[in-house]
C-alpha atoms as a PDB file:
ATOM      1  CA  UNK A   1     181.911 138.209  67.146  1.00  0.00           C
ATOM      2  CA  UNK A   2     178.496 139.500  68.818  1.00  0.00           C
ATOM      3  CA  UNK A   3     175.808 140.436  68.059  1.00  0.00           C
ATOM      4  CA  UNK A   4     173.586 143.385  69.694  1.00  0.00           C
ATOM      5  CA  UNK A   5     170.082 141.999  69.287  1.00  0.00           C
ATOM      6  CA  UNK A   6     166.555 143.484  70.045  1.00  0.00           C
ATOM      7  CA  UNK A   7     163.831 141.874  71.292  1.00  0.00           C
ATOM      8  CA  UNK A   8     160.085 142.193  73.301  1.00  0.00           C
ATOM      9  CA  UNK A   9     159.458 140.429  76.636  1.00  0.00           C
ATOM     10  CA  UNK A  10     156.064 140.050  78.476  1.00  0.00           C
ATOM     11  CA  UNK A  11     156.853 142.577  81.957  1.00  0.00           C
ATOM     12  CA  UNK A  12     156.208 139.353  84.100  1.00  0.00           C
ATOM     13  CA  UNK A  13     158.710 137.475  82.109  1.00  0.00           C
ATOM     14  CA  UNK A  14     161.397 140.179  81.930  1.00  0.00           C
ATOM     15  CA  UNK A  15     160.899 141.046  85.786  1.00  0.00           C
ATOM     16  CA  UNK A  16     161.545 136.690  86.225  1.00  0.00           C
ATOM     17  CA  UNK A  17     164.548 136.789  84.656  1.00  0.00           C
ATOM     18  CA  UNK A  18     166.440 139.993  85.533  1.00  0.00           C
ATOM     19  CA  UNK A  19     165.752 138.540  89.481  1.00  0.00           C
ATOM     20  CA  UNK A  20     167.079 134.820  88.100  1.00  0.00           C
ATOM     21  CA  UNK A  21     170.762 136.581  86.390  1.00  0.00           C
ATOM     22  CA  UNK A  22     170.511 139.003  89.962  1.00  0.00           C
ATOM     23  CA  UNK A  23     170.162 135.637  91.611  1.00  0.00           C
ATOM     24  CA  UNK A  24     172.669 133.644  89.325  1.00  0.00           C
ATOM     25  CA  UNK A  25     175.486 136.825  89.906  1.00  0.00           C
ATOM     26  CA  UNK A  26     175.457 136.937  85.864  1.00  0.00           C
ATOM     27  CA  UNK A  27     174.447 139.629  83.198  1.00  0.00           C
ATOM     28  CA  UNK A  28     170.790 139.548  81.842  1.00  0.00           C
ATOM     29  CA  UNK A  29     172.733 139.019  79.338  1.00  0.00           C
ATOM     30  CA  UNK A  30     174.125 136.418  79.493  1.00  0.00           C
ATOM     31  CA  UNK A  31     171.146 134.051  80.766  1.00  0.00           C
ATOM     32  CA  UNK A  32     169.317 134.593  77.863  1.00  0.00           C
ATOM     33  CA  UNK A  33     171.666 133.897  75.747  1.00  0.00           C
ATOM     34  CA  UNK A  34     172.689 130.120  77.077  1.00  0.00           C
ATOM     35  CA  UNK A  35     169.049 130.010  77.659  1.00  0.00           C
ATOM     36  CA  UNK A  36     168.661 130.216  73.559  1.00  0.00           C
ATOM     37  CA  UNK A  37     172.091 128.326  72.815  1.00  0.00           C
ATOM     38  CA  UNK A  38     170.627 124.787  74.988  1.00  0.00           C
ATOM     39  CA  UNK A  39     166.779 125.417  73.034  1.00  0.00           C
ATOM     40  CA  UNK A  40     168.862 125.193  70.038  1.00  0.00           C
ATOM     41  CA  UNK A  41     170.980 122.460  70.146  1.00  0.00           C
ATOM     42  CA  UNK A  42     168.298 120.502  72.161  1.00  0.00           C
ATOM     43  CA  UNK A  43     166.804 121.018  68.911  1.00  0.00           C
ATOM     44  CA  UNK A  44     169.084 120.240  66.540  1.00  0.00           C
ATOM     45  CA  UNK A  45     169.820 116.780  68.192  1.00  0.00           C
ATOM     46  CA  UNK A  46     166.114 116.219  67.806  1.00  0.00           C
ATOM     47  CA  UNK A  47     166.388 116.608  64.447  1.00  0.00           C
ATOM     48  CA  UNK A  48     169.376 114.501  63.820  1.00  0.00           C
ATOM     49  CA  UNK A  49     167.216 111.327  65.278  1.00  0.00           C
ATOM     50  CA  UNK A  50     165.368 111.386  62.805  1.00  0.00           C
ATOM     51  CA  UNK A  51     167.612 111.717  60.018  1.00  0.00           C
ATOM     52  CA  UNK A  52     169.491 109.114  61.485  1.00  0.00           C
ATOM     53  CA  UNK A  53     166.668 106.370  62.099  1.00  0.00           C
ATOM     54  CA  UNK A  54     164.519 107.812  58.393  1.00  0.00           C
ATOM     55  CA  UNK A  55     163.605 104.364  56.987  1.00  0.00           C
ATOM     56  CA  UNK A  56     165.393 101.937  59.302  1.00  0.00           C
ATOM     57  CA  UNK A  57     162.016 100.126  60.014  1.00  0.00           C
ATOM     58  CA  UNK A  58     160.320  98.923  56.339  1.00  0.00           C
ATOM     59  CA  UNK A  59     157.249  97.186  56.533  1.00  0.00           C
ATOM     60  CA  UNK A  60     154.272  97.151  54.837  1.00  0.00           C
ATOM     61  CA  UNK A  61     151.273  99.312  55.433  1.00  0.00           C
ATOM     62  CA  UNK A  62     148.951  96.199  55.485  1.00  0.00           C
ATOM     63  CA  UNK A  63     151.742  94.485  58.693  1.00  0.00           C
ATOM     64  CA  UNK A  64     151.804  98.600  59.880  1.00  0.00           C
ATOM     65  CA  UNK A  65     148.314  98.721  60.219  1.00  0.00           C
ATOM     66  CA  UNK A  66     147.620  94.567  61.410  1.00  0.00           C
ATOM     67  CA  UNK A  67     150.192  95.927  64.563  1.00  0.00           C
ATOM     68  CA  UNK A  68     148.393  98.852  64.847  1.00  0.00           C
ATOM     69  CA  UNK A  69     145.079  97.707  65.248  1.00  0.00           C
ATOM     70  CA  UNK A  70     145.948  94.749  67.822  1.00  0.00           C
ATOM     71  CA  UNK A  71     145.090  95.772  70.922  1.00  0.00           C
ATOM     72  CA  UNK A  72     148.384  95.047  73.468  1.00  0.00           C
ATOM     73  CA  UNK A  73     146.091  94.285  76.804  1.00  0.00           C
ATOM     74  CA  UNK A  74     144.995  91.365  75.019  1.00  0.00           C
ATOM     75  CA  UNK A  75     145.936  88.036  76.467  1.00  0.00           C
ATOM     76  CA  UNK A  76     144.166  85.517  73.590  1.00  0.00           C
END
């Protein structure tokens, strides 16, 4: 099922999107829906990486501080 929504776009963004859709031979609605779908999928993928790796690296505060204070360019 599809739902109609209303939004307000900056005039320049609207014209760029409308031109892009026309060049691709598709509707502005399709272009916006695809862009929103890609954005939401990317955000979901990032969130799941965080969730999947949560608690993977367990180190003490002292060990973490030591690593963070190391100079990676110190050859000594």
